[in-house]
Amino acid sequence: MDSPFFATNALKWYDENRRDLPWRNTSDPYRIWLSEIILQQTRVQQGLPYYQRFIAAFPDVFRLAAAPPDKVLRLWEGLGYYTRARNLHACARLVVQNHQGVFPSRYEDLLRLPGIGPYTAAAIASMAFGQAVAAVDGNVYRVLARFFGLEQPINSPSGKRVFQKLAHELLDRQRPGAYNQAVMELGALVCTPKNPACHTCPVRSGCRAFQLNRWHKLPVKAQTRKIRTRYLHYLVFSGGNRVYMKKRKARDIWQGLYDFYCVETNRLQPAEKIVKSLGLRPGYISGVSPAYRHQLTHQKIVARFVVIGNPAGLPADAGLRPYTPAQAARLPKPVLITRYLADTGFL
């Protein structure tokens, strides 16, 4: 099957079956950019409420650029990959400062903005400005790998070049934005990672994976780095209906979010041992939580919360401040911390 067959049938199917999503009913680059950043590593069902909250709080790039960083992170809470939120804010500020609040229309210029890589730049350029640039995300990799029977690893440099070149050749030059969305929608609704709905696929007759029953083998991914486990002991200093928290500053997970005083070890240690290592008396301990587990992309977090009911024992260099329940609720926090505070009834 040739390229026009793929593009024509994908577009026809998209016109008849696409989901009614708010960022598809506009050519506003701000709204398209916002949706694309939110939907990175995020399903539409999960990302849609965040998009709606961001639009309500920041209806244009000027409002987002002027917002306090903590407010942006607080609205982002629960989406993960918090670097996206920090880059989102930095990008808004740069668009206001250097471009008078107008997003660049060229793919090459969009790439110079914080947090905008090749896929996001192509999505904005094609959907907002009609530029003929192919956008290749995980859904597109999967659809193309299966349709053409490609076995190049999609996470290798050579594989990425092959798929990008192919995507560019297939692109409908008259409707680049709609075409890009058509292939992504096909991957999201029909050519899914597991149990694809091949019987409803508009390009099934030309699909190599369908013909050879190899859909479960494609796309191919090269082996990635192993997931490591980290053990965190959180000391929760509390008193007077206040809990003591700090802002994470190190270039590590959850940078810019708020958590408790933390001691990291190579395995979970008894709470008494952790407290003694800080020069505190074990008698200060008023509670120890069960182990909490939290999965990140390349890390697994195992955490235990040790409640210290005597704020007088605060380490001098901890950078901790007291917060009431209402104040703590407004702070941007990792989901792990929110879970613990909710479980204890503090929030």
C-alpha atoms as a PDB file:
ATOM      1  CA  MET A   1       0.000   0.000   0.000  1.00  0.00           C
ATOM      2  CA  ASP A   2       1.321   3.506  -0.803  1.00  0.00           C
ATOM      3  CA  SER A   3       1.483   6.644   1.282  1.00  0.00           C
ATOM      4  CA  PRO A   4      -1.743   8.233  -0.034  1.00  0.00           C
ATOM      5  CA  PHE A   5      -3.690   5.117   1.056  1.00  0.00           C
ATOM      6  CA  PHE A   6      -2.472   5.491   4.634  1.00  0.00           C
ATOM      7  CA  ALA A   7      -2.970   9.247   4.902  1.00  0.00           C
ATOM      8  CA  THR A   8      -6.335   9.311   3.093  1.00  0.00           C
ATOM      9  CA  ASN A   9      -7.877   6.537   5.148  1.00  0.00           C
ATOM     10  CA  ALA A  10      -6.462   7.783   8.460  1.00  0.00           C
ATOM     11  CA  LEU A  11      -7.847  11.280   7.807  1.00  0.00           C
ATOM     12  CA  LYS A  12     -11.245   9.986   6.704  1.00  0.00           C
ATOM     13  CA  TRP A  13     -11.503   7.860   9.844  1.00  0.00           C
ATOM     14  CA  TYR A  14     -10.403  10.805  12.021  1.00  0.00           C
ATOM     15  CA  ASP A  15     -13.004  13.140  10.553  1.00  0.00           C
ATOM     16  CA  GLU A  16     -15.715  10.628  11.438  1.00  0.00           C
ATOM     17  CA  ASN A  17     -14.454   9.289  14.784  1.00  0.00           C
ATOM     18  CA  ARG A  18     -12.289  11.854  16.541  1.00  0.00           C
ATOM     19  CA  ARG A  19     -12.992  12.738  20.154  1.00  0.00           C
ATOM     20  CA  ASP A  20     -14.389  16.188  20.894  1.00  0.00           C
ATOM     21  CA  LEU A  21     -11.524  17.693  22.906  1.00  0.00           C
ATOM     22  CA  PRO A  22     -11.231  21.407  23.715  1.00  0.00           C
ATOM     23  CA  TRP A  23      -7.788  21.904  22.213  1.00  0.00           C
ATOM     24  CA  ARG A  24      -9.045  20.524  18.890  1.00  0.00           C
ATOM     25  CA  ASN A  25     -11.644  23.262  18.538  1.00  0.00           C
ATOM     26  CA  THR A  26      -9.098  26.060  18.363  1.00  0.00           C
ATOM     27  CA  SER A  27      -6.007  27.194  16.506  1.00  0.00           C
ATOM     28  CA  ASP A  28      -4.787  29.166  19.533  1.00  0.00           C
ATOM     29  CA  PRO A  29      -1.124  28.122  19.974  1.00  0.00           C
ATOM     30  CA  TYR A  30      -1.285  28.795  23.728  1.00  0.00           C
ATOM     31  CA  ARG A  31      -4.059  26.247  24.265  1.00  0.00           C
ATOM     32  CA  ILE A  32      -2.515  23.708  21.903  1.00  0.00           C
ATOM     33  CA  TRP A  33       0.880  24.100  23.604  1.00  0.00           C
ATOM     34  CA  LEU A  34      -0.680  23.766  27.064  1.00  0.00           C
ATOM     35  CA  SER A  35      -2.530  20.590  26.084  1.00  0.00           C
ATOM     36  CA  GLU A  36       0.567  19.042  24.532  1.00  0.00           C
ATOM     37  CA  ILE A  37       2.716  19.673  27.614  1.00  0.00           C
ATOM     38  CA  ILE A  38       0.048  18.257  29.923  1.00  0.00           C
ATOM     39  CA  LEU A  39      -0.487  15.176  27.741  1.00  0.00           C
ATOM     40  CA  GLN A  40       3.187  14.192  27.651  1.00  0.00           C
ATOM     41  CA  GLN A  41       3.377  10.835  29.486  1.00  0.00           C
ATOM     42  CA  THR A  42      -0.301  11.337  30.430  1.00  0.00           C
ATOM     43  CA  ARG A  43      -3.539   9.810  29.144  1.00  0.00           C
ATOM     44  CA  VAL A  44      -6.245  12.156  27.862  1.00  0.00           C
ATOM     45  CA  GLN A  45      -8.699  11.046  30.571  1.00  0.00           C
ATOM     46  CA  GLN A  46      -6.225  12.059  33.269  1.00  0.00           C
ATOM     47  CA  GLY A  47      -4.936  15.188  31.560  1.00  0.00           C
ATOM     48  CA  LEU A  48      -8.250  16.782  30.562  1.00  0.00           C
ATOM     49  CA  PRO A  49      -9.222  17.972  34.090  1.00  0.00           C
ATOM     50  CA  TYR A  50      -5.744  19.495  34.507  1.00  0.00           C
ATOM     51  CA  TYR A  51      -6.069  21.290  31.191  1.00  0.00           C
ATOM     52  CA  GLN A  52      -9.434  22.690  32.235  1.00  0.00           C
ATOM     53  CA  ARG A  53      -8.066  23.849  35.607  1.00  0.00           C
ATOM     54  CA  PHE A  54      -5.060  25.538  33.969  1.00  0.00           C
ATOM     55  CA  ILE A  55      -7.257  27.327  31.423  1.00  0.00           C
ATOM     56  CA  ALA A  56      -9.568  28.502  34.214  1.00  0.00           C
ATOM     57  CA  ALA A  57      -6.637  29.791  36.295  1.00  0.00           C
ATOM     58  CA  PHE A  58      -4.501  31.062  33.391  1.00  0.00           C
ATOM     59  CA  PRO A  59      -6.679  31.815  30.339  1.00  0.00           C
ATOM     60  CA  ASP A  60      -3.726  33.249  28.415  1.00  0.00           C
ATOM     61  CA  VAL A  61       0.056  33.138  28.401  1.00  0.00           C
ATOM     62  CA  PHE A  62       0.317  36.485  30.217  1.00  0.00           C
ATOM     63  CA  ARG A  63      -1.581  35.148  33.261  1.00  0.00           C
ATOM     64  CA  LEU A  64       0.538  32.005  33.349  1.00  0.00           C
ATOM     65  CA  ALA A  65       3.785  33.964  33.049  1.00  0.00           C
ATOM     66  CA  ALA A  66       2.786  36.234  35.951  1.00  0.00           C
ATOM     67  CA  ALA A  67       1.750  33.379  38.256  1.00  0.00           C
ATOM     68  CA  PRO A  68       3.831  32.438  41.332  1.00  0.00           C
ATOM     69  CA  PRO A  69       5.808  29.218  40.729  1.00  0.00           C
ATOM     70  CA  ASP A  70       4.159  27.515  43.717  1.00  0.00           C
ATOM     71  CA  LYS A  71       0.712  28.075  42.230  1.00  0.00           C
ATOM     72  CA  VAL A  72       1.739  26.459  38.950  1.00  0.00           C
ATOM     73  CA  LEU A  73       3.221  23.466  40.784  1.00  0.00           C
ATOM     74  CA  ARG A  74       0.172  23.173  43.015  1.00  0.00           C
ATOM     75  CA  LEU A  75      -2.159  22.960  40.000  1.00  0.00           C
ATOM     76  CA  TRP A  76       0.185  20.379  38.475  1.00  0.00           C
ATOM     77  CA  GLU A  77       0.184  18.198  41.600  1.00  0.00           C
ATOM     78  CA  GLY A  78      -0.551  14.568  40.779  1.00  0.00           C
ATOM     79  CA  LEU A  79       0.561  14.673  37.128  1.00  0.00           C
ATOM     80  CA  GLY A  80       4.173  13.770  37.876  1.00  0.00           C
ATOM     81  CA  TYR A  81       7.222  14.663  35.778  1.00  0.00           C
ATOM     82  CA  TYR A  82       7.330  18.049  37.495  1.00  0.00           C
ATOM     83  CA  THR A  83      10.068  19.319  35.191  1.00  0.00           C
ATOM     84  CA  ARG A  84       7.231  19.788  32.697  1.00  0.00           C
ATOM     85  CA  ALA A  85       5.521  22.247  35.038  1.00  0.00           C
ATOM     86  CA  ARG A  86       8.717  24.198  35.650  1.00  0.00           C
ATOM     87  CA  ASN A  87       9.441  24.351  31.922  1.00  0.00           C
ATOM     88  CA  LEU A  88       5.816  25.325  31.262  1.00  0.00           C
ATOM     89  CA  HIS A  89       6.204  28.342  33.515  1.00  0.00           C
ATOM     90  CA  ALA A  90       9.639  29.250  32.113  1.00  0.00           C
ATOM     91  CA  CYS A  91       8.336  28.988  28.554  1.00  0.00           C
ATOM     92  CA  ALA A  92       5.361  31.254  29.288  1.00  0.00           C
ATOM     93  CA  ARG A  93       7.671  33.868  30.771  1.00  0.00           C
ATOM     94  CA  LEU A  94       9.991  33.706  27.787  1.00  0.00           C
ATOM     95  CA  VAL A  95       7.130  34.029  25.286  1.00  0.00           C
ATOM     96  CA  VAL A  96       5.928  37.142  27.137  1.00  0.00           C
ATOM     97  CA  GLN A  97       9.378  38.681  27.607  1.00  0.00           C
ATOM     98  CA  ASN A  98      10.913  37.926  24.213  1.00  0.00           C
ATOM     99  CA  HIS A  99       7.899  37.503  21.912  1.00  0.00           C
ATOM    100  CA  GLN A 100       5.360  39.950  23.376  1.00  0.00           C
ATOM    101  CA  GLY A 101       3.096  37.032  24.305  1.00  0.00           C
ATOM    102  CA  VAL A 102       2.903  35.659  20.736  1.00  0.00           C
ATOM    103  CA  PHE A 103       4.115  32.112  20.153  1.00  0.00           C
ATOM    104  CA  PRO A 104       6.572  31.722  17.247  1.00  0.00           C
ATOM    105  CA  SER A 105       4.939  30.154  14.207  1.00  0.00           C
ATOM    106  CA  ARG A 106       8.009  28.350  12.842  1.00  0.00           C
ATOM    107  CA  TYR A 107       9.032  24.869  13.999  1.00  0.00           C
ATOM    108  CA  GLU A 108      12.677  25.904  14.334  1.00  0.00           C
ATOM    109  CA  ASP A 109      11.816  28.882  16.555  1.00  0.00           C
ATOM    110  CA  LEU A 110       9.489  26.844  18.765  1.00  0.00           C
ATOM    111  CA  LEU A 111      12.335  24.400  19.446  1.00  0.00           C
ATOM    112  CA  ARG A 112      14.263  27.191  21.166  1.00  0.00           C
ATOM    113  CA  LEU A 113      11.652  27.538  23.916  1.00  0.00           C
ATOM    114  CA  PRO A 114      12.026  25.696  27.263  1.00  0.00           C
ATOM    115  CA  GLY A 115      10.350  22.305  27.440  1.00  0.00           C
ATOM    116  CA  ILE A 116       9.513  22.189  23.721  1.00  0.00           C
ATOM    117  CA  GLY A 117      11.149  19.289  21.916  1.00  0.00           C
ATOM    118  CA  PRO A 118      10.748  18.045  18.326  1.00  0.00           C
ATOM    119  CA  TYR A 119       7.352  16.418  18.888  1.00  0.00           C
ATOM    120  CA  THR A 120       5.764  19.373  20.723  1.00  0.00           C
ATOM    121  CA  ALA A 121       7.215  21.898  18.258  1.00  0.00           C
ATOM    122  CA  ALA A 122       5.809  19.889  15.348  1.00  0.00           C
ATOM    123  CA  ALA A 123       2.409  19.575  17.018  1.00  0.00           C
ATOM    124  CA  ILE A 124       2.135  23.335  17.621  1.00  0.00           C
ATOM    125  CA  ALA A 125       3.531  24.300  14.218  1.00  0.00           C
ATOM    126  CA  SER A 126       1.169  21.986  12.339  1.00  0.00           C
ATOM    127  CA  MET A 127      -2.002  22.361  14.438  1.00  0.00           C
ATOM    128  CA  ALA A 128      -1.829  26.092  15.146  1.00  0.00           C
ATOM    129  CA  PHE A 129      -0.031  27.392  12.066  1.00  0.00           C
ATOM    130  CA  GLY A 130      -0.547  24.746   9.359  1.00  0.00           C
ATOM    131  CA  GLN A 131       3.166  24.117   8.915  1.00  0.00           C
ATOM    132  CA  ALA A 132       3.921  20.802   7.178  1.00  0.00           C
ATOM    133  CA  VAL A 133       5.901  19.129   9.974  1.00  0.00           C
ATOM    134  CA  ALA A 134       5.290  15.563  11.149  1.00  0.00           C
ATOM    135  CA  ALA A 135       4.657  15.079  14.877  1.00  0.00           C
ATOM    136  CA  VAL A 136       5.871  11.706  16.158  1.00  0.00           C
ATOM    137  CA  ASP A 137       4.807  10.561  19.627  1.00  0.00           C
ATOM    138  CA  GLY A 138       4.383   7.117  21.196  1.00  0.00           C
ATOM    139  CA  ASN A 139       1.084   6.523  19.425  1.00  0.00           C
ATOM    140  CA  VAL A 140       2.594   7.404  16.047  1.00  0.00           C
ATOM    141  CA  TYR A 141       5.593   5.120  16.620  1.00  0.00           C
ATOM    142  CA  ARG A 142       3.240   2.228  17.375  1.00  0.00           C
ATOM    143  CA  VAL A 143       0.934   2.800  14.383  1.00  0.00           C
ATOM    144  CA  LEU A 144       3.787   3.173  11.900  1.00  0.00           C
ATOM    145  CA  ALA A 145       5.795   0.260  13.326  1.00  0.00           C
ATOM    146  CA  ARG A 146       2.798  -2.064  12.969  1.00  0.00           C
ATOM    147  CA  PHE A 147       1.533  -0.800   9.620  1.00  0.00           C
ATOM    148  CA  PHE A 148       4.936  -1.055   7.933  1.00  0.00           C
ATOM    149  CA  GLY A 149       6.281  -3.962  10.025  1.00  0.00           C
ATOM    150  CA  LEU A 150       9.288  -1.933  11.203  1.00  0.00           C
ATOM    151  CA  GLU A 151      11.577  -3.545  13.777  1.00  0.00           C
ATOM    152  CA  GLN A 152      14.020  -0.700  14.385  1.00  0.00           C
ATOM    153  CA  PRO A 153      13.985   0.159  18.122  1.00  0.00           C
ATOM    154  CA  ILE A 154      11.891   3.287  18.562  1.00  0.00           C
ATOM    155  CA  ASN A 155      14.077   4.493  21.456  1.00  0.00           C
ATOM    156  CA  SER A 156      17.359   4.309  19.523  1.00  0.00           C
ATOM    157  CA  PRO A 157      18.822   7.280  17.609  1.00  0.00           C
ATOM    158  CA  SER A 158      18.804   5.384  14.300  1.00  0.00           C
ATOM    159  CA  GLY A 159      15.257   4.158  14.879  1.00  0.00           C
ATOM    160  CA  LYS A 160      14.018   7.656  15.643  1.00  0.00           C
ATOM    161  CA  ARG A 161      15.533   8.913  12.385  1.00  0.00           C
ATOM    162  CA  VAL A 162      13.814   6.148  10.396  1.00  0.00           C
ATOM    163  CA  PHE A 163      10.402   6.860  11.911  1.00  0.00           C
ATOM    164  CA  GLN A 164      10.731  10.635  11.601  1.00  0.00           C
ATOM    165  CA  LYS A 165      11.674  10.353   7.926  1.00  0.00           C
ATOM    166  CA  LEU A 166       8.768   8.001   7.255  1.00  0.00           C
ATOM    167  CA  ALA A 167       6.310  10.217   9.142  1.00  0.00           C
ATOM    168  CA  HIS A 168       7.439  13.207   7.081  1.00  0.00           C
ATOM    169  CA  GLU A 169       6.933  11.282   3.818  1.00  0.00           C
ATOM    170  CA  LEU A 170       3.418  10.223   4.840  1.00  0.00           C
ATOM    171  CA  LEU A 171       2.336  13.702   5.981  1.00  0.00           C
ATOM    172  CA  ASP A 172      -0.678  15.236   4.264  1.00  0.00           C
ATOM    173  CA  ARG A 173       0.635  18.660   3.155  1.00  0.00           C
ATOM    174  CA  GLN A 174      -2.855  20.142   2.811  1.00  0.00           C
ATOM    175  CA  ARG A 175      -3.998  19.228   6.343  1.00  0.00           C
ATOM    176  CA  PRO A 176      -0.829  18.607   8.386  1.00  0.00           C
ATOM    177  CA  GLY A 177      -2.408  19.396  11.759  1.00  0.00           C
ATOM    178  CA  ALA A 178      -5.408  17.153  11.185  1.00  0.00           C
ATOM    179  CA  TYR A 179      -3.196  14.386   9.794  1.00  0.00           C
ATOM    180  CA  ASN A 180      -0.879  14.441  12.805  1.00  0.00           C
ATOM    181  CA  GLN A 181      -3.871  14.224  15.123  1.00  0.00           C
ATOM    182  CA  ALA A 182      -5.414  11.454  13.005  1.00  0.00           C
ATOM    183  CA  VAL A 183      -2.442   9.135  13.434  1.00  0.00           C
ATOM    184  CA  MET A 184      -2.194   9.897  17.162  1.00  0.00           C
ATOM    185  CA  GLU A 185      -5.931   9.303  17.584  1.00  0.00           C
ATOM    186  CA  LEU A 186      -5.668   6.043  15.677  1.00  0.00           C
ATOM    187  CA  GLY A 187      -2.996   4.906  18.131  1.00  0.00           C
ATOM    188  CA  ALA A 188      -5.012   6.049  21.135  1.00  0.00           C
ATOM    189  CA  LEU A 189      -8.361   4.515  20.163  1.00  0.00           C
ATOM    190  CA  VAL A 190      -7.680   1.635  17.757  1.00  0.00           C
ATOM    191  CA  CYS A 191      -4.014   0.623  17.524  1.00  0.00           C
ATOM    192  CA  THR A 192      -3.600   0.405  21.290  1.00  0.00           C
ATOM    193  CA  PRO A 193      -0.618  -1.207  23.049  1.00  0.00           C
ATOM    194  CA  LYS A 194      -2.715  -4.194  24.157  1.00  0.00           C
ATOM    195  CA  ASN A 195      -5.714  -5.749  22.437  1.00  0.00           C
ATOM    196  CA  PRO A 196      -5.872  -3.397  19.431  1.00  0.00           C
ATOM    197  CA  ALA A 197      -9.240  -3.123  17.710  1.00  0.00           C
ATOM    198  CA  CYS A 198      -7.953  -4.301  14.336  1.00  0.00           C
ATOM    199  CA  HIS A 199     -11.470  -5.085  13.105  1.00  0.00           C
ATOM    200  CA  THR A 200     -12.293  -1.344  13.151  1.00  0.00           C
ATOM    201  CA  CYS A 201      -8.947  -0.106  11.797  1.00  0.00           C
ATOM    202  CA  PRO A 202      -9.253   2.020   8.628  1.00  0.00           C
ATOM    203  CA  VAL A 203      -5.801   0.932   7.346  1.00  0.00           C
ATOM    204  CA  ARG A 204      -6.026  -2.748   8.305  1.00  0.00           C
ATOM    205  CA  SER A 205      -5.832  -4.008   4.711  1.00  0.00           C
ATOM    206  CA  GLY A 206      -2.319  -2.590   4.354  1.00  0.00           C
ATOM    207  CA  CYS A 207      -1.037  -3.393   7.844  1.00  0.00           C
ATOM    208  CA  ARG A 208       1.931  -5.790   7.977  1.00  0.00           C
ATOM    209  CA  ALA A 209       1.484  -6.557  11.674  1.00  0.00           C
ATOM    210  CA  PHE A 210      -2.149  -7.534  11.079  1.00  0.00           C
ATOM    211  CA  GLN A 211      -1.282  -9.691   8.072  1.00  0.00           C
ATOM    212  CA  LEU A 212       1.468 -11.547   9.961  1.00  0.00           C
ATOM    213  CA  ASN A 213      -0.253 -11.489  13.384  1.00  0.00           C
ATOM    214  CA  ARG A 214       2.726  -9.625  14.883  1.00  0.00           C
ATOM    215  CA  TRP A 215       0.977  -6.653  16.470  1.00  0.00           C
ATOM    216  CA  HIS A 216       2.117  -7.817  19.951  1.00  0.00           C
ATOM    217  CA  LYS A 217       5.763  -7.754  18.808  1.00  0.00           C
ATOM    218  CA  LEU A 218       5.742  -4.168  17.590  1.00  0.00           C
ATOM    219  CA  PRO A 219       6.997  -1.581  18.196  1.00  0.00           C
ATOM    220  CA  VAL A 220      10.426  -2.751  19.334  1.00  0.00           C
ATOM    221  CA  LYS A 221      12.184  -1.028  22.224  1.00  0.00           C
ATOM    222  CA  ALA A 222      15.859  -1.365  23.094  1.00  0.00           C
ATOM    223  CA  GLN A 223      16.583  -2.375  26.669  1.00  0.00           C
ATOM    224  CA  THR A 224      16.572   0.614  29.008  1.00  0.00           C
ATOM    225  CA  ARG A 225      18.225   1.237  32.338  1.00  0.00           C
ATOM    226  CA  LYS A 226      17.067  -0.692  35.380  1.00  0.00           C
ATOM    227  CA  ILE A 227      14.728   0.756  37.961  1.00  0.00           C
ATOM    228  CA  ARG A 228      16.456   1.463  41.267  1.00  0.00           C
ATOM    229  CA  THR A 229      14.860   1.457  44.697  1.00  0.00           C
ATOM    230  CA  ARG A 230      15.346   4.354  47.122  1.00  0.00           C
ATOM    231  CA  TYR A 231      14.564   4.223  50.826  1.00  0.00           C
ATOM    232  CA  LEU A 232      13.383   7.483  52.415  1.00  0.00           C
ATOM    233  CA  HIS A 233      12.779   8.100  56.110  1.00  0.00           C
ATOM    234  CA  TYR A 234      10.618  11.172  56.613  1.00  0.00           C
ATOM    235  CA  LEU A 235      10.719  12.852  60.032  1.00  0.00           C
ATOM    236  CA  VAL A 236       7.390  14.570  60.527  1.00  0.00           C
ATOM    237  CA  PHE A 237       7.886  17.255  63.174  1.00  0.00           C
ATOM    238  CA  SER A 238       4.512  18.429  64.458  1.00  0.00           C
ATOM    239  CA  GLY A 239       2.896  20.370  67.279  1.00  0.00           C
ATOM    240  CA  GLY A 240       0.086  22.847  67.890  1.00  0.00           C
ATOM    241  CA  ASN A 241      -1.916  21.589  64.897  1.00  0.00           C
ATOM    242  CA  ARG A 242       1.005  22.414  62.644  1.00  0.00           C
ATOM    243  CA  VAL A 243       3.321  20.276  60.626  1.00  0.00           C
ATOM    244  CA  TYR A 244       6.855  21.316  59.646  1.00  0.00           C
ATOM    245  CA  MET A 245       7.702  21.136  55.942  1.00  0.00           C
ATOM    246  CA  LYS A 246      10.382  22.371  53.553  1.00  0.00           C
ATOM    247  CA  LYS A 247      10.839  23.067  49.865  1.00  0.00           C
ATOM    248  CA  ARG A 248      13.030  20.617  47.956  1.00  0.00           C
ATOM    249  CA  LYS A 249      15.873  22.487  46.276  1.00  0.00           C
ATOM    250  CA  ALA A 250      18.323  19.785  45.238  1.00  0.00           C
ATOM    251  CA  ARG A 251      18.372  18.726  41.592  1.00  0.00           C
ATOM    252  CA  ASP A 252      16.533  15.526  42.339  1.00  0.00           C
ATOM    253  CA  ILE A 253      13.022  14.147  42.175  1.00  0.00           C
ATOM    254  CA  TRP A 254      10.257  16.566  43.170  1.00  0.00           C
ATOM    255  CA  GLN A 255      12.412  19.685  42.920  1.00  0.00           C
ATOM    256  CA  GLY A 256      10.428  22.731  44.044  1.00  0.00           C
ATOM    257  CA  LEU A 257       7.789  20.683  45.877  1.00  0.00           C
ATOM    258  CA  TYR A 258       7.286  20.530  49.641  1.00  0.00           C
ATOM    259  CA  ASP A 259       7.984  17.549  51.875  1.00  0.00           C
ATOM    260  CA  PHE A 260       9.363  16.748  55.349  1.00  0.00           C
ATOM    261  CA  TYR A 261      12.860  16.380  56.760  1.00  0.00           C
ATOM    262  CA  CYS A 262      14.257  13.346  54.969  1.00  0.00           C
ATOM    263  CA  VAL A 263      17.003  10.824  55.645  1.00  0.00           C
ATOM    264  CA  GLU A 264      17.877   8.443  52.804  1.00  0.00           C
ATOM    265  CA  THR A 265      19.529   5.074  53.437  1.00  0.00           C
ATOM    266  CA  ASN A 266      20.302   1.935  51.432  1.00  0.00           C
ATOM    267  CA  ARG A 267      17.412   0.058  53.100  1.00  0.00           C
ATOM    268  CA  LEU A 268      14.652   0.766  55.585  1.00  0.00           C
ATOM    269  CA  GLN A 269      16.097   1.313  59.049  1.00  0.00           C
ATOM    270  CA  PRO A 270      14.386   1.202  62.463  1.00  0.00           C
ATOM    271  CA  ALA A 271      12.895   4.587  63.341  1.00  0.00           C
ATOM    272  CA  GLU A 272      14.895   4.724  66.598  1.00  0.00           C
ATOM    273  CA  LYS A 273      18.167   4.358  64.686  1.00  0.00           C
ATOM    274  CA  ILE A 274      17.291   7.213  62.313  1.00  0.00           C
ATOM    275  CA  VAL A 275      16.274   9.491  65.183  1.00  0.00           C
ATOM    276  CA  LYS A 276      19.456   8.727  67.169  1.00  0.00           C
ATOM    277  CA  SER A 277      21.606   9.490  64.100  1.00  0.00           C
ATOM    278  CA  LEU A 278      20.266  13.054  64.256  1.00  0.00           C
ATOM    279  CA  GLY A 279      21.035  13.461  67.955  1.00  0.00           C
ATOM    280  CA  LEU A 280      17.387  13.197  68.980  1.00  0.00           C
ATOM    281  CA  ARG A 281      15.932  11.060  71.753  1.00  0.00           C
ATOM    282  CA  PRO A 282      13.851   8.039  70.636  1.00  0.00           C
ATOM    283  CA  GLY A 283      11.300   9.134  73.218  1.00  0.00           C
ATOM    284  CA  TYR A 284      10.337  11.983  70.867  1.00  0.00           C
ATOM    285  CA  ILE A 285       8.795   9.434  68.484  1.00  0.00           C
ATOM    286  CA  SER A 286       5.008   9.500  68.699  1.00  0.00           C
ATOM    287  CA  GLY A 287       4.199   7.350  65.681  1.00  0.00           C
ATOM    288  CA  VAL A 288       5.693   5.358  62.803  1.00  0.00           C
ATOM    289  CA  SER A 289       3.810   4.720  59.570  1.00  0.00           C
ATOM    290  CA  PRO A 290       3.766   1.538  57.533  1.00  0.00           C
ATOM    291  CA  ALA A 291       5.972   1.584  54.454  1.00  0.00           C
ATOM    292  CA  TYR A 292       4.594   3.689  51.592  1.00  0.00           C
ATOM    293  CA  ARG A 293       5.525   2.727  48.041  1.00  0.00           C
ATOM    294  CA  HIS A 294       5.527   5.056  45.055  1.00  0.00           C
ATOM    295  CA  GLN A 295       6.570   4.221  41.481  1.00  0.00           C
ATOM    296  CA  LEU A 296       8.409   6.722  39.281  1.00  0.00           C
ATOM    297  CA  THR A 297       9.725   6.154  35.765  1.00  0.00           C
ATOM    298  CA  HIS A 298      13.174   4.879  36.726  1.00  0.00           C
ATOM    299  CA  GLN A 299      12.870   4.801  40.497  1.00  0.00           C
ATOM    300  CA  LYS A 300      10.810   3.007  43.090  1.00  0.00           C
ATOM    301  CA  ILE A 301      10.366   4.922  46.336  1.00  0.00           C
ATOM    302  CA  VAL A 302       9.883   3.113  49.647  1.00  0.00           C
ATOM    303  CA  ALA A 303       9.151   5.633  52.402  1.00  0.00           C
ATOM    304  CA  ARG A 304       8.361   5.547  56.096  1.00  0.00           C
ATOM    305  CA  PHE A 305       7.058   8.491  58.099  1.00  0.00           C
ATOM    306  CA  VAL A 306       8.306   8.947  61.666  1.00  0.00           C
ATOM    307  CA  VAL A 307       6.244  11.429  63.666  1.00  0.00           C
ATOM    308  CA  ILE A 308       8.243  13.578  66.094  1.00  0.00           C
ATOM    309  CA  GLY A 309       5.854  15.241  68.528  1.00  0.00           C
ATOM    310  CA  ASN A 310       8.425  17.730  69.839  1.00  0.00           C
ATOM    311  CA  PRO A 311       9.298  20.565  67.448  1.00  0.00           C
ATOM    312  CA  ALA A 312      12.085  21.581  69.821  1.00  0.00           C
ATOM    313  CA  GLY A 313      14.116  18.816  68.233  1.00  0.00           C
ATOM    314  CA  LEU A 314      14.145  20.447  64.812  1.00  0.00           C
ATOM    315  CA  PRO A 315      17.570  20.247  63.154  1.00  0.00           C
ATOM    316  CA  ALA A 316      18.938  23.797  62.919  1.00  0.00           C
ATOM    317  CA  ASP A 317      19.812  23.524  59.215  1.00  0.00           C
ATOM    318  CA  ALA A 318      16.625  21.756  58.132  1.00  0.00           C
ATOM    319  CA  GLY A 319      14.902  24.763  56.545  1.00  0.00           C
ATOM    320  CA  LEU A 320      11.578  23.631  58.003  1.00  0.00           C
ATOM    321  CA  ARG A 321       8.602  25.926  58.574  1.00  0.00           C
ATOM    322  CA  PRO A 322       5.298  25.257  60.364  1.00  0.00           C
ATOM    323  CA  TYR A 323       2.112  24.994  58.310  1.00  0.00           C
ATOM    324  CA  THR A 324      -1.521  24.640  59.377  1.00  0.00           C
ATOM    325  CA  PRO A 325      -3.703  22.100  57.520  1.00  0.00           C
ATOM    326  CA  ALA A 326      -5.131  24.860  55.303  1.00  0.00           C
ATOM    327  CA  GLN A 327      -1.665  26.183  54.484  1.00  0.00           C
ATOM    328  CA  ALA A 328      -0.251  22.704  53.828  1.00  0.00           C
ATOM    329  CA  ALA A 329      -3.161  21.949  51.496  1.00  0.00           C
ATOM    330  CA  ARG A 330      -2.167  24.896  49.285  1.00  0.00           C
ATOM    331  CA  LEU A 331       1.481  23.839  48.995  1.00  0.00           C
ATOM    332  CA  PRO A 332       2.604  21.910  45.891  1.00  0.00           C
ATOM    333  CA  LYS A 333       3.510  18.436  47.167  1.00  0.00           C
ATOM    334  CA  PRO A 334       4.518  15.048  45.779  1.00  0.00           C
ATOM    335  CA  VAL A 335       1.588  12.630  45.617  1.00  0.00           C
ATOM    336  CA  LEU A 336       3.362  10.492  48.215  1.00  0.00           C
ATOM    337  CA  ILE A 337       3.258  13.330  50.754  1.00  0.00           C
ATOM    338  CA  THR A 338      -0.361  14.176  49.966  1.00  0.00           C
ATOM    339  CA  ARG A 339      -1.316  10.519  50.463  1.00  0.00           C
ATOM    340  CA  TYR A 340       0.334  10.428  53.867  1.00  0.00           C
ATOM    341  CA  LEU A 341      -1.243  13.688  55.059  1.00  0.00           C
ATOM    342  CA  ALA A 342      -4.643  12.544  53.841  1.00  0.00           C
ATOM    343  CA  ASP A 343      -4.241   9.148  55.527  1.00  0.00           C
ATOM    344  CA  THR A 344      -3.432  10.810  58.856  1.00  0.00           C
ATOM    345  CA  GLY A 345      -6.387  13.166  58.597  1.00  0.00           C
ATOM    346  CA  PHE A 346      -4.180  16.285  58.558  1.00  0.00           C
ATOM    347  CA  LEU A 347      -5.593  17.353  55.171  1.00  0.00           C
END
